[in-house]
Structures are given as structure tokens and as C-alpha cells.
Amino acid sequence: MGEVDLSPNTRAIITASLENVCASLQQQFDGVASKHALHSPAATRLKSMIRLSCDQIENMEDSATPECAHYEKMVANYQ
């Protein structure tokens, strides 16, 4: 829109419309994401990694925590 020659009023209307579309899409995505079968295990995995020190994260193997290993198994078996 930056390169199109629009009146300030038209630009404001289009901007408001686009913002509403973006907000609507985000609300729809948030609802779907939290209901996904891997959402809770993924969140648990991230929370387990938060407890790690920087050294632990830098030197971690494939599965840094039991929660990571559990999540990776779920992802491998998910279809």
C-alpha cells in the first residue's frame, strides 16, 4: 500500500480492514493451535528447556530432557 496513491481516508479504511482480517486470522489460529494433539506436549517440552542453563543447552544431545524425548517420539508417530 505504501506505493499506491490513495487518499488519507481511503488508506485509513483499507488499513483498518486489513487489521481486522489479521486479528480474525490470529484468533482462529490461536484456537486451533491450543486444541492440536501436540500443543500440550510441545509447551511442556519448552517449559522443561527453560529450566536448563545456557551450558546445558549448548552441549545437549538430541533429547535435552525427558519431556523433549517424549515430544520427539510423539512427533515421529503423529500422522
Protein backbone atom coordinates (compact mmCIF):
# COMPACT_ATOMS: atom_id res chain seq x y z
CA MET A 1 0.00 0.00 0.00
CA GLY A 2 2.94 2.32 0.53
CA GLU A 3 3.46 2.89 -3.20
CA VAL A 4 -0.22 3.30 -4.15
CA ASP A 5 -1.57 6.84 -4.36
CA LEU A 6 -4.59 6.75 -2.02
CA SER A 7 -6.41 9.48 -0.20
CA PRO A 8 -5.79 9.52 3.57
CA ASN A 9 -9.41 8.47 4.16
CA THR A 10 -9.21 5.51 1.76
CA ARG A 11 -5.85 4.47 3.21
CA ALA A 12 -7.34 4.55 6.74
CA ILE A 13 -10.31 2.42 5.68
CA ILE A 14 -8.10 -0.17 3.96
CA THR A 15 -5.66 -0.26 6.88
CA ALA A 16 -8.48 -0.80 9.38
CA SER A 17 -9.93 -3.56 7.22
CA LEU A 18 -6.57 -5.33 6.95
CA GLU A 19 -6.00 -5.05 10.70
CA ASN A 20 -9.42 -6.65 11.32
CA VAL A 21 -8.62 -9.51 8.94
CA CYS A 22 -5.27 -10.09 10.66
CA ALA A 23 -6.87 -10.09 14.11
CA SER A 24 -9.55 -12.52 12.95
CA LEU A 25 -7.00 -14.91 11.48
CA GLN A 26 -4.90 -14.78 14.63
CA GLN A 27 -7.91 -15.61 16.81
CA GLN A 28 -8.78 -18.57 14.59
CA PHE A 29 -5.19 -19.84 14.66
CA ASP A 30 -4.90 -19.50 18.43
CA GLY A 31 -7.99 -21.63 18.93
CA VAL A 32 -6.80 -24.34 16.57
CA ALA A 33 -3.25 -24.44 17.90
CA SER A 34 -4.28 -24.98 21.52
CA LYS A 35 -6.53 -27.91 20.52
CA HIS A 36 -3.85 -29.66 18.46
CA ALA A 37 -2.72 -33.02 19.87
CA LEU A 38 0.92 -31.88 20.01
CA HIS A 39 0.28 -28.46 21.57
CA SER A 40 0.45 -29.50 25.21
CA PRO A 41 3.50 -31.78 24.80
CA ALA A 42 5.28 -29.05 22.85
CA ALA A 43 4.57 -26.49 25.58
CA THR A 44 5.77 -28.98 28.22
CA ARG A 45 8.95 -29.53 26.21
CA LEU A 46 9.66 -25.80 26.05
CA LYS A 47 8.99 -25.37 29.76
CA SER A 48 11.45 -28.18 30.53
CA MET A 49 14.12 -26.49 28.43
CA ILE A 50 13.61 -23.16 30.20
CA ARG A 51 14.99 -24.79 33.34
CA LEU A 52 18.28 -25.61 31.59
CA SER A 53 21.36 -23.45 31.83
CA CYS A 54 22.99 -21.99 28.72
CA ASP A 55 25.82 -24.53 29.03
CA GLN A 56 23.35 -27.39 29.18
CA ILE A 57 21.52 -26.13 26.10
CA GLU A 58 24.74 -25.61 24.13
CA ASN A 59 26.01 -29.09 24.99
CA MET A 60 22.75 -31.03 24.82
CA GLU A 61 22.26 -34.18 22.82
CA ASP A 62 19.22 -34.91 20.65
CA SER A 63 16.88 -35.01 23.63
CA ALA A 64 17.84 -32.49 26.28
CA THR A 65 15.14 -33.50 28.75
CA PRO A 66 12.74 -36.43 29.22
CA GLU A 67 9.99 -34.10 28.00
CA CYS A 68 11.97 -33.50 24.80
CA ALA A 69 12.37 -37.23 24.22
CA HIS A 70 8.64 -37.77 24.82
CA TYR A 71 7.72 -34.98 22.39
CA GLU A 72 10.09 -36.27 19.72
CA LYS A 73 8.51 -39.74 19.94
CA MET A 74 5.03 -38.22 19.65
CA VAL A 75 6.05 -36.20 16.58
CA ALA A 76 7.60 -39.26 14.95
CA ASN A 77 4.38 -41.21 15.45
CA TYR A 78 2.00 -38.35 14.59
CA GLN A 79 0.03 -38.51 11.37
